[in-house]
C-alpha atoms as a PDB file:
ATOM      1  CA  MET A   1     -26.102 101.040-223.844  1.00  0.00           C
ATOM      2  CA  SER A   2     -28.883 103.072-225.434  1.00  0.00           C
ATOM      3  CA  ALA A   3     -30.622 106.032-223.857  1.00  0.00           C
ATOM      4  CA  THR A   4     -34.174 105.554-222.626  1.00  0.00           C
ATOM      5  CA  LYS A   5     -37.086 107.668-223.770  1.00  0.00           C
ATOM      6  CA  GLU A   6     -37.077 109.414-220.388  1.00  0.00           C
ATOM      7  CA  GLU A   7     -33.363 110.240-220.697  1.00  0.00           C
ATOM      8  CA  ILE A   8     -33.839 111.682-224.183  1.00  0.00           C
ATOM      9  CA  VAL A   9     -36.862 113.719-223.079  1.00  0.00           C
ATOM     10  CA  ALA A  10     -34.814 115.116-220.159  1.00  0.00           C
ATOM     11  CA  PHE A  11     -31.864 115.914-222.474  1.00  0.00           C
ATOM     12  CA  MET A  12     -34.097 117.700-224.985  1.00  0.00           C
ATOM     13  CA  ALA A  13     -35.767 119.721-222.219  1.00  0.00           C
ATOM     14  CA  LEU A  14     -32.388 120.791-220.832  1.00  0.00           C
ATOM     15  CA  GLU A  15     -30.523 121.482-224.071  1.00  0.00           C
ATOM     16  CA  PHE A  16     -33.373 122.559-226.364  1.00  0.00           C
ATOM     17  CA  PRO A  17     -36.096 124.060-224.130  1.00  0.00           C
ATOM     18  CA  GLN A  18     -37.592 125.899-227.097  1.00  0.00           C
ATOM     19  CA  THR A  19     -38.260 122.734-229.128  1.00  0.00           C
ATOM     20  CA  LYS A  20     -41.755 121.672-230.059  1.00  0.00           C
ATOM     21  CA  CYS A  21     -40.594 118.132-230.780  1.00  0.00           C
ATOM     22  CA  VAL A  22     -42.263 115.322-228.867  1.00  0.00           C
ATOM     23  CA  ILE A  23     -40.398 112.044-228.396  1.00  0.00           C
ATOM     24  CA  GLU A  24     -42.997 109.430-229.270  1.00  0.00           C
ATOM     25  CA  SER A  25     -40.927 106.248-228.961  1.00  0.00           C
ATOM     26  CA  VAL A  26     -37.339 105.045-228.573  1.00  0.00           C
ATOM     27  CA  GLY A  27     -35.839 101.633-229.235  1.00  0.00           C
ATOM     28  CA  ASP A  28     -33.331  99.537-231.214  1.00  0.00           C
ATOM     29  CA  ASN A  29     -31.157 102.478-232.351  1.00  0.00           C
ATOM     30  CA  ARG A  30     -34.128 104.482-233.590  1.00  0.00           C
ATOM     31  CA  SER A  31     -36.688 106.954-232.348  1.00  0.00           C
ATOM     32  CA  THR A  32     -39.914 108.530-233.496  1.00  0.00           C
ATOM     33  CA  LEU A  33     -40.508 112.228-232.942  1.00  0.00           C
ATOM     34  CA  SER A  34     -43.445 114.446-233.806  1.00  0.00           C
ATOM     35  CA  HIS A  35     -43.612 118.186-234.304  1.00  0.00           C
ATOM     36  CA  ASP A  36     -46.867 120.088-234.655  1.00  0.00           C
ATOM     37  CA  ILE A  37     -46.604 122.589-237.484  1.00  0.00           C
ATOM     38  CA  GLY A  38     -47.712 126.104-236.691  1.00  0.00           C
ATOM     39  CA  ILE A  39     -47.943 129.358-238.598  1.00  0.00           C
ATOM     40  CA  ASN A  40     -44.248 130.094-237.911  1.00  0.00           C
ATOM     41  CA  GLU A  41     -43.128 126.999-239.846  1.00  0.00           C
ATOM     42  CA  LEU A  42     -45.053 127.845-243.010  1.00  0.00           C
ATOM     43  CA  ARG A  43     -43.152 128.784-246.126  1.00  0.00           C
ATOM     44  CA  PRO A  44     -44.354 131.250-248.775  1.00  0.00           C
ATOM     45  CA  GLY A  45     -47.598 130.002-250.264  1.00  0.00           C
ATOM     46  CA  GLY A  46     -48.589 128.287-247.000  1.00  0.00           C
ATOM     47  CA  THR A  47     -46.514 125.160-247.649  1.00  0.00           C
ATOM     48  CA  VAL A  48     -44.321 123.081-245.352  1.00  0.00           C
ATOM     49  CA  SER A  49     -41.120 121.466-246.578  1.00  0.00           C
ATOM     50  CA  ASP A  50     -41.128 117.678-246.480  1.00  0.00           C
ATOM     51  CA  GLN A  51     -37.327 117.449-246.701  1.00  0.00           C
ATOM     52  CA  TYR A  52     -35.476 115.860-243.799  1.00  0.00           C
END
């Protein structure tokens, strides 16, 4: 049985309250998350890594 979006959102809020990740969708053994990039995530030169 897979977790629902609501269950994952609740888990993330409990275990990772500092996260900026937003659970966009959940289904069929996959999920889509988003994360707004702020000044604290920038690397030297004002770049953001695109590595997973």
